[in-house]
């Protein structure tokens, strides 16, 4: 387990992580409204063949993210 924050976009299908921070001020409110809050646990459910979109399981639902949104979410892999 790494203790460094990495972008969500580099995780692979099945990886689990904890959200550490949201780096893009412009989309951070949108991401928080969708449940992407620091401290939340997530699991990568699906990654499209070209890497966009990415589906994550957060809470009790699946959330689809564009790659630019996933890059803005810094996580710590579990």
PDB file of N, CA and C in Angstrom:
ATOM      1  N   UNK A   1       0.851  -1.191   0.000  1.00  0.00           N
ATOM      2  CA  UNK A   1       0.000   0.000   0.000  1.00  0.00           C
ATOM      3  C   UNK A   1       0.888   1.242   0.000  1.00  0.00           C
ATOM      4  N   UNK A   2       0.595   2.135  -0.918  1.00  0.00           N
ATOM      5  CA  UNK A   2       1.349   3.380  -1.003  1.00  0.00           C
ATOM      6  C   UNK A   2       0.673   4.441  -0.140  1.00  0.00           C
ATOM      7  N   UNK A   3       1.470   5.297   0.473  1.00  0.00           N
ATOM      8  CA  UNK A   3       0.878   6.364   1.280  1.00  0.00           C
ATOM      9  C   UNK A   3       0.941   7.701   0.552  1.00  0.00           C
ATOM     10  N   UNK A   4       1.235   7.672  -0.765  1.00  0.00           N
ATOM     11  CA  UNK A   4       1.275   8.890  -1.555  1.00  0.00           C
ATOM     12  C   UNK A   4      -0.039   9.079  -2.291  1.00  0.00           C
ATOM     13  N   UNK A   5      -0.478  10.332  -2.408  1.00  0.00           N
ATOM     14  CA  UNK A   5      -1.697  10.632  -3.149  1.00  0.00           C
ATOM     15  C   UNK A   5      -1.406  10.535  -4.640  1.00  0.00           C
ATOM     16  N   UNK A   6      -2.243   9.785  -5.351  1.00  0.00           N
ATOM     17  CA  UNK A   6      -2.109   9.616  -6.794  1.00  0.00           C
ATOM     18  C   UNK A   6      -3.450   9.956  -7.444  1.00  0.00           C
ATOM     19  N   UNK A   7      -3.460  10.295  -8.730  1.00  0.00           N
ATOM     20  CA  UNK A   7      -4.736  10.573  -9.394  1.00  0.00           C
ATOM     21  C   UNK A   7      -5.562   9.298  -9.532  1.00  0.00           C
ATOM     22  N   UNK A   8      -6.853   9.420  -9.354  1.00  0.00           N
ATOM     23  CA  UNK A   8      -7.772   8.293  -9.529  1.00  0.00           C
ATOM     24  C   UNK A   8      -7.623   7.687 -10.927  1.00  0.00           C
ATOM     25  N   UNK A   9      -7.282   8.490 -11.896  1.00  0.00           N
ATOM     26  CA  UNK A   9      -7.192   8.039 -13.285  1.00  0.00           C
ATOM     27  C   UNK A   9      -6.125   6.967 -13.523  1.00  0.00           C
ATOM     28  N   UNK A  10      -5.160   6.790 -12.612  1.00  0.00           N
ATOM     29  CA  UNK A  10      -4.112   5.791 -12.817  1.00  0.00           C
ATOM     30  C   UNK A  10      -4.459   4.429 -12.225  1.00  0.00           C
ATOM     31  N   UNK A  11      -5.567   4.345 -11.489  1.00  0.00           N
ATOM     32  CA  UNK A  11      -5.969   3.072 -10.901  1.00  0.00           C
ATOM     33  C   UNK A  11      -6.465   2.119 -11.981  1.00  0.00           C
ATOM     34  N   UNK A  12      -6.433   0.847 -11.669  1.00  0.00           N
ATOM     35  CA  UNK A  12      -6.895  -0.194 -12.579  1.00  0.00           C
ATOM     36  C   UNK A  12      -8.216  -0.785 -12.058  1.00  0.00           C
ATOM     37  N   UNK A  13      -8.915  -1.496 -12.929  1.00  0.00           N
ATOM     38  CA  UNK A  13     -10.177  -2.137 -12.542  1.00  0.00           C
ATOM     39  C   UNK A  13      -9.946  -3.022 -11.319  1.00  0.00           C
ATOM     40  N   UNK A  14     -10.831  -2.874 -10.323  1.00  0.00           N
ATOM     41  CA  UNK A  14     -10.741  -3.657  -9.097  1.00  0.00           C
ATOM     42  C   UNK A  14      -9.936  -2.995  -7.997  1.00  0.00           C
ATOM     43  N   UNK A  15      -9.161  -1.955  -8.314  1.00  0.00           N
ATOM     44  CA  UNK A  15      -8.383  -1.256  -7.284  1.00  0.00           C
ATOM     45  C   UNK A  15      -9.314  -0.540  -6.316  1.00  0.00           C
ATOM     46  N   UNK A  16      -8.907  -0.517  -5.062  1.00  0.00           N
ATOM     47  CA  UNK A  16      -9.651   0.195  -4.015  1.00  0.00           C
ATOM     48  C   UNK A  16      -8.779   1.327  -3.502  1.00  0.00           C
ATOM     49  N   UNK A  17      -9.451   2.416  -3.108  1.00  0.00           N
ATOM     50  CA  UNK A  17      -8.708   3.591  -2.652  1.00  0.00           C
ATOM     51  C   UNK A  17      -9.577   4.446  -1.735  1.00  0.00           C
ATOM     52  N   UNK A  18      -8.938   5.415  -1.106  1.00  0.00           N
ATOM     53  CA  UNK A  18      -9.609   6.411  -0.277  1.00  0.00           C
ATOM     54  C   UNK A  18      -9.324   7.773  -0.896  1.00  0.00           C
ATOM     55  N   UNK A  19     -10.346   8.600  -1.017  1.00  0.00           N
ATOM     56  CA  UNK A  19     -10.161   9.937  -1.575  1.00  0.00           C
ATOM     57  C   UNK A  19      -9.415  10.801  -0.564  1.00  0.00           C
ATOM     58  N   UNK A  20      -8.337  11.427  -1.033  1.00  0.00           N
ATOM     59  CA  UNK A  20      -7.521  12.300  -0.185  1.00  0.00           C
ATOM     60  C   UNK A  20      -7.886  13.764  -0.412  1.00  0.00           C
ATOM     61  N   UNK A  21      -7.985  14.168  -1.687  1.00  0.00           N
ATOM     62  CA  UNK A  21      -8.284  15.570  -1.990  1.00  0.00           C
ATOM     63  C   UNK A  21      -8.846  15.705  -3.394  1.00  0.00           C
ATOM     64  N   UNK A  22      -9.407  16.881  -3.657  1.00  0.00           N
ATOM     65  CA  UNK A  22      -9.910  17.250  -4.973  1.00  0.00           C
ATOM     66  C   UNK A  22      -9.095  18.450  -5.428  1.00  0.00           C
ATOM     67  N   UNK A  23      -8.405  18.320  -6.552  1.00  0.00           N
ATOM     68  CA  UNK A  23      -7.458  19.353  -6.966  1.00  0.00           C
ATOM     69  C   UNK A  23      -8.031  20.453  -7.849  1.00  0.00           C
ATOM     70  N   UNK A  24      -9.077  20.184  -8.582  1.00  0.00           N
ATOM     71  CA  UNK A  24      -9.614  21.164  -9.525  1.00  0.00           C
ATOM     72  C   UNK A  24     -10.769  21.929  -8.877  1.00  0.00           C
ATOM     73  N   UNK A  25     -10.530  23.175  -8.542  1.00  0.00           N
ATOM     74  CA  UNK A  25     -11.536  23.993  -7.871  1.00  0.00           C
ATOM     75  C   UNK A  25     -12.815  24.096  -8.719  1.00  0.00           C
ATOM     76  N   UNK A  26     -12.641  24.199 -10.030  1.00  0.00           N
ATOM     77  CA  UNK A  26     -13.790  24.389 -10.922  1.00  0.00           C
ATOM     78  C   UNK A  26     -14.777  23.228 -10.876  1.00  0.00           C
ATOM     79  N   UNK A  27     -14.292  21.996 -10.714  1.00  0.00           N
ATOM     80  CA  UNK A  27     -15.222  20.861 -10.702  1.00  0.00           C
ATOM     81  C   UNK A  27     -15.349  20.201  -9.326  1.00  0.00           C
ATOM     82  N   UNK A  28     -14.661  20.729  -8.321  1.00  0.00           N
ATOM     83  CA  UNK A  28     -14.700  20.081  -7.003  1.00  0.00           C
ATOM     84  C   UNK A  28     -16.090  20.091  -6.385  1.00  0.00           C
ATOM     85  N   UNK A  29     -16.851  21.147  -6.564  1.00  0.00           N
ATOM     86  CA  UNK A  29     -18.207  21.194  -6.001  1.00  0.00           C
ATOM     87  C   UNK A  29     -19.081  20.133  -6.657  1.00  0.00           C
ATOM     88  N   UNK A  30     -18.989  20.022  -7.981  1.00  0.00           N
ATOM     89  CA  UNK A  30     -19.746  18.994  -8.710  1.00  0.00           C
ATOM     90  C   UNK A  30     -19.376  17.598  -8.208  1.00  0.00           C
ATOM     91  N   UNK A  31     -18.078  17.353  -8.041  1.00  0.00           N
ATOM     92  CA  UNK A  31     -17.634  16.046  -7.566  1.00  0.00           C
ATOM     93  C   UNK A  31     -18.124  15.763  -6.149  1.00  0.00           C
ATOM     94  N   UNK A  32     -18.085  16.775  -5.275  1.00  0.00           N
ATOM     95  CA  UNK A  32     -18.570  16.576  -3.905  1.00  0.00           C
ATOM     96  C   UNK A  32     -20.065  16.302  -3.888  1.00  0.00           C
ATOM     97  N   UNK A  33     -20.829  16.969  -4.757  1.00  0.00           N
ATOM     98  CA  UNK A  33     -22.267  16.710  -4.840  1.00  0.00           C
ATOM     99  C   UNK A  33     -22.549  15.274  -5.282  1.00  0.00           C
ATOM    100  N   UNK A  34     -21.615  14.680  -6.020  1.00  0.00           N
ATOM    101  CA  UNK A  34     -21.775  13.302  -6.480  1.00  0.00           C
ATOM    102  C   UNK A  34     -21.219  12.294  -5.473  1.00  0.00           C
ATOM    103  N   UNK A  35     -20.770  12.757  -4.319  1.00  0.00           N
ATOM    104  CA  UNK A  35     -20.310  11.864  -3.269  1.00  0.00           C
ATOM    105  C   UNK A  35     -18.810  11.688  -3.171  1.00  0.00           C
ATOM    106  N   UNK A  36     -18.051  12.397  -3.982  1.00  0.00           N
ATOM    107  CA  UNK A  36     -16.586  12.297  -3.951  1.00  0.00           C
ATOM    108  C   UNK A  36     -16.037  13.256  -2.904  1.00  0.00           C
ATOM    109  N   UNK A  37     -16.084  12.815  -1.673  1.00  0.00           N
ATOM    110  CA  UNK A  37     -15.622  13.634  -0.555  1.00  0.00           C
ATOM    111  C   UNK A  37     -14.335  13.031   0.009  1.00  0.00           C
ATOM    112  N   UNK A  38     -13.413  13.862   0.474  1.00  0.00           N
ATOM    113  CA  UNK A  38     -12.224  13.312   1.130  1.00  0.00           C
ATOM    114  C   UNK A  38     -12.620  12.358   2.253  1.00  0.00           C
ATOM    115  N   UNK A  39     -11.952  11.213   2.302  1.00  0.00           N
ATOM    116  CA  UNK A  39     -12.246  10.189   3.305  1.00  0.00           C
ATOM    117  C   UNK A  39     -13.145   9.071   2.799  1.00  0.00           C
ATOM    118  N   UNK A  40     -13.813   9.277   1.658  1.00  0.00           N
ATOM    119  CA  UNK A  40     -14.705   8.259   1.104  1.00  0.00           C
ATOM    120  C   UNK A  40     -13.895   7.123   0.481  1.00  0.00           C
ATOM    121  N   UNK A  41     -14.371   5.909   0.664  1.00  0.00           N
ATOM    122  CA  UNK A  41     -13.758   4.729   0.059  1.00  0.00           C
ATOM    123  C   UNK A  41     -14.400   4.495  -1.302  1.00  0.00           C
ATOM    124  N   UNK A  42     -13.598   4.019  -2.256  1.00  0.00           N
ATOM    125  CA  UNK A  42     -14.124   3.734  -3.579  1.00  0.00           C
ATOM    126  C   UNK A  42     -13.439   2.514  -4.161  1.00  0.00           C
ATOM    127  N   UNK A  43     -14.066   1.962  -5.204  1.00  0.00           N
ATOM    128  CA  UNK A  43     -13.489   0.853  -5.953  1.00  0.00           C
ATOM    129  C   UNK A  43     -13.703   1.122  -7.435  1.00  0.00           C
ATOM    130  N   UNK A  44     -12.672   0.902  -8.239  1.00  0.00           N
ATOM    131  CA  UNK A  44     -12.799   1.087  -9.682  1.00  0.00           C
ATOM    132  C   UNK A  44     -13.572  -0.099 -10.234  1.00  0.00           C
ATOM    133  N   UNK A  45     -14.727   0.177 -10.827  1.00  0.00           N
ATOM    134  CA  UNK A  45     -15.609  -0.868 -11.339  1.00  0.00           C
ATOM    135  C   UNK A  45     -15.333  -1.188 -12.802  1.00  0.00           C
ATOM    136  N   UNK A  46     -15.094  -0.157 -13.617  1.00  0.00           N
ATOM    137  CA  UNK A  46     -14.921  -0.353 -15.055  1.00  0.00           C
ATOM    138  C   UNK A  46     -14.138   0.817 -15.634  1.00  0.00           C
ATOM    139  N   UNK A  47     -13.282   0.509 -16.597  1.00  0.00           N
ATOM    140  CA  UNK A  47     -12.566   1.547 -17.336  1.00  0.00           C
ATOM    141  C   UNK A  47     -12.782   1.262 -18.817  1.00  0.00           C
ATOM    142  N   UNK A  48     -13.291   2.230 -19.546  1.00  0.00           N
ATOM    143  CA  UNK A  48     -13.525   2.070 -20.981  1.00  0.00           C
ATOM    144  C   UNK A  48     -12.195   1.802 -21.694  1.00  0.00           C
ATOM    145  N   UNK A  49     -12.242   1.147 -22.852  1.00  0.00           N
ATOM    146  CA  UNK A  49     -11.006   0.776 -23.556  1.00  0.00           C
ATOM    147  C   UNK A  49     -10.013   1.915 -23.770  1.00  0.00           C
ATOM    148  N   UNK A  50     -10.479   3.118 -24.019  1.00  0.00           N
ATOM    149  CA  UNK A  50      -9.558   4.240 -24.214  1.00  0.00           C
ATOM    150  C   UNK A  50      -9.336   5.051 -22.930  1.00  0.00           C
ATOM    151  N   UNK A  51      -9.824   4.521 -21.786  1.00  0.00           N
ATOM    152  CA  UNK A  51      -9.595   5.164 -20.499  1.00  0.00           C
ATOM    153  C   UNK A  51     -10.599   6.234 -20.119  1.00  0.00           C
ATOM    154  N   UNK A  52     -11.645   6.402 -20.904  1.00  0.00           N
ATOM    155  CA  UNK A  52     -12.640   7.444 -20.628  1.00  0.00           C
ATOM    156  C   UNK A  52     -13.991   6.966 -21.151  1.00  0.00           C
ATOM    157  N   UNK A  53     -14.997   6.804 -20.330  1.00  0.00           N
ATOM    158  CA  UNK A  53     -15.103   7.151 -18.910  1.00  0.00           C
ATOM    159  C   UNK A  53     -14.600   6.034 -17.986  1.00  0.00           C
ATOM    160  N   UNK A  54     -14.583   6.373 -16.709  1.00  0.00           N
ATOM    161  CA  UNK A  54     -14.209   5.453 -15.643  1.00  0.00           C
ATOM    162  C   UNK A  54     -15.413   5.324 -14.724  1.00  0.00           C
ATOM    163  N   UNK A  55     -15.765   4.100 -14.372  1.00  0.00           N
ATOM    164  CA  UNK A  55     -16.884   3.868 -13.461  1.00  0.00           C
ATOM    165  C   UNK A  55     -16.322   3.447 -12.110  1.00  0.00           C
ATOM    166  N   UNK A  56     -16.756   4.149 -11.054  1.00  0.00           N
ATOM    167  CA  UNK A  56     -16.310   3.794  -9.702  1.00  0.00           C
ATOM    168  C   UNK A  56     -17.517   3.465  -8.840  1.00  0.00           C
ATOM    169  N   UNK A  57     -17.288   2.598  -7.882  1.00  0.00           N
ATOM    170  CA  UNK A  57     -18.312   2.278  -6.881  1.00  0.00           C
ATOM    171  C   UNK A  57     -17.961   3.095  -5.646  1.00  0.00           C
ATOM    172  N   UNK A  58     -18.877   3.982  -5.281  1.00  0.00           N
ATOM    173  CA  UNK A  58     -18.665   4.832  -4.112  1.00  0.00           C
ATOM    174  C   UNK A  58     -19.958   4.840  -3.324  1.00  0.00           C
ATOM    175  N   UNK A  59     -19.880   4.516  -2.056  1.00  0.00           N
ATOM    176  CA  UNK A  59     -21.114   4.354  -1.285  1.00  0.00           C
ATOM    177  C   UNK A  59     -21.880   3.156  -1.837  1.00  0.00           C
ATOM    178  N   UNK A  60     -23.167   3.345  -2.064  1.00  0.00           N
ATOM    179  CA  UNK A  60     -24.012   2.267  -2.576  1.00  0.00           C
ATOM    180  C   UNK A  60     -24.370   2.445  -4.038  1.00  0.00           C
ATOM    181  N   UNK A  61     -23.576   3.179  -4.790  1.00  0.00           N
ATOM    182  CA  UNK A  61     -23.921   3.399  -6.192  1.00  0.00           C
ATOM    183  C   UNK A  61     -22.680   3.452  -7.070  1.00  0.00           C
ATOM    184  N   UNK A  62     -22.920   3.361  -8.384  1.00  0.00           N
ATOM    185  CA  UNK A  62     -21.857   3.495  -9.373  1.00  0.00           C
ATOM    186  C   UNK A  62     -21.866   4.915  -9.906  1.00  0.00           C
ATOM    187  N   UNK A  63     -20.691   5.451 -10.125  1.00  0.00           N
ATOM    188  CA  UNK A  63     -20.550   6.814 -10.626  1.00  0.00           C
ATOM    189  C   UNK A  63     -19.616   6.793 -11.826  1.00  0.00           C
ATOM    190  N   UNK A  64     -20.064   7.362 -12.932  1.00  0.00           N
ATOM    191  CA  UNK A  64     -19.233   7.472 -14.124  1.00  0.00           C
ATOM    192  C   UNK A  64     -18.515   8.811 -14.137  1.00  0.00           C
ATOM    193  N   UNK A  65     -17.217   8.779 -14.377  1.00  0.00           N
ATOM    194  CA  UNK A  65     -16.407   9.994 -14.392  1.00  0.00           C
ATOM    195  C   UNK A  65     -15.665  10.114 -15.710  1.00  0.00           C
ATOM    196  N   UNK A  66     -15.533  11.328 -16.188  1.00  0.00           N
ATOM    197  CA  UNK A  66     -14.672  11.594 -17.330  1.00  0.00           C
ATOM    198  C   UNK A  66     -13.227  11.548 -16.838  1.00  0.00           C
ATOM    199  N   UNK A  67     -12.299  11.358 -17.755  1.00  0.00           N
ATOM    200  CA  UNK A  67     -10.893  11.250 -17.360  1.00  0.00           C
ATOM    201  C   UNK A  67     -10.388  12.523 -16.696  1.00  0.00           C
ATOM    202  N   UNK A  68     -10.821  13.696 -17.190  1.00  0.00           N
ATOM    203  CA  UNK A  68     -10.368  14.946 -16.567  1.00  0.00           C
ATOM    204  C   UNK A  68     -10.888  15.092 -15.145  1.00  0.00           C
ATOM    205  N   UNK A  69     -12.061  14.527 -14.854  1.00  0.00           N
ATOM    206  CA  UNK A  69     -12.562  14.542 -13.490  1.00  0.00           C
ATOM    207  C   UNK A  69     -11.761  13.571 -12.617  1.00  0.00           C
ATOM    208  N   UNK A  70     -11.450  12.399 -13.155  1.00  0.00           N
ATOM    209  CA  UNK A  70     -10.690  11.395 -12.415  1.00  0.00           C
ATOM    210  C   UNK A  70      -9.272  11.880 -12.103  1.00  0.00           C
ATOM    211  N   UNK A  71      -8.695  12.649 -13.000  1.00  0.00           N
ATOM    212  CA  UNK A  71      -7.355  13.196 -12.755  1.00  0.00           C
ATOM    213  C   UNK A  71      -7.377  14.171 -11.575  1.00  0.00           C
ATOM    214  N   UNK A  72      -8.472  14.880 -11.388  1.00  0.00           N
ATOM    215  CA  UNK A  72      -8.578  15.880 -10.320  1.00  0.00           C
ATOM    216  C   UNK A  72      -8.792  15.260  -8.942  1.00  0.00           C
ATOM    217  N   UNK A  73      -9.128  13.975  -8.889  1.00  0.00           N
ATOM    218  CA  UNK A  73      -9.371  13.292  -7.603  1.00  0.00           C
ATOM    219  C   UNK A  73      -8.092  12.584  -7.193  1.00  0.00           C
ATOM    220  N   UNK A  74      -7.518  13.023  -6.086  1.00  0.00           N
ATOM    221  CA  UNK A  74      -6.300  12.391  -5.565  1.00  0.00           C
ATOM    222  C   UNK A  74      -6.718  11.358  -4.524  1.00  0.00           C
ATOM    223  N   UNK A  75      -6.150  10.153  -4.640  1.00  0.00           N
ATOM    224  CA  UNK A  75      -6.521   9.044  -3.769  1.00  0.00           C
ATOM    225  C   UNK A  75      -5.284   8.393  -3.186  1.00  0.00           C
ATOM    226  N   UNK A  76      -5.505   7.583  -2.154  1.00  0.00           N
ATOM    227  CA  UNK A  76      -4.481   6.722  -1.596  1.00  0.00           C
ATOM    228  C   UNK A  76      -4.960   5.298  -1.817  1.00  0.00           C
ATOM    229  N   UNK A  77      -4.194   4.544  -2.576  1.00  0.00           N
ATOM    230  CA  UNK A  77      -4.556   3.163  -2.904  1.00  0.00           C
ATOM    231  C   UNK A  77      -4.500   2.297  -1.659  1.00  0.00           C
ATOM    232  N   UNK A  78      -5.454   1.381  -1.543  1.00  0.00           N
ATOM    233  CA  UNK A  78      -5.490   0.471  -0.394  1.00  0.00           C
ATOM    234  C   UNK A  78      -4.894  -0.855  -0.764  1.00  0.00           C
TER     235      UNK A  78
END
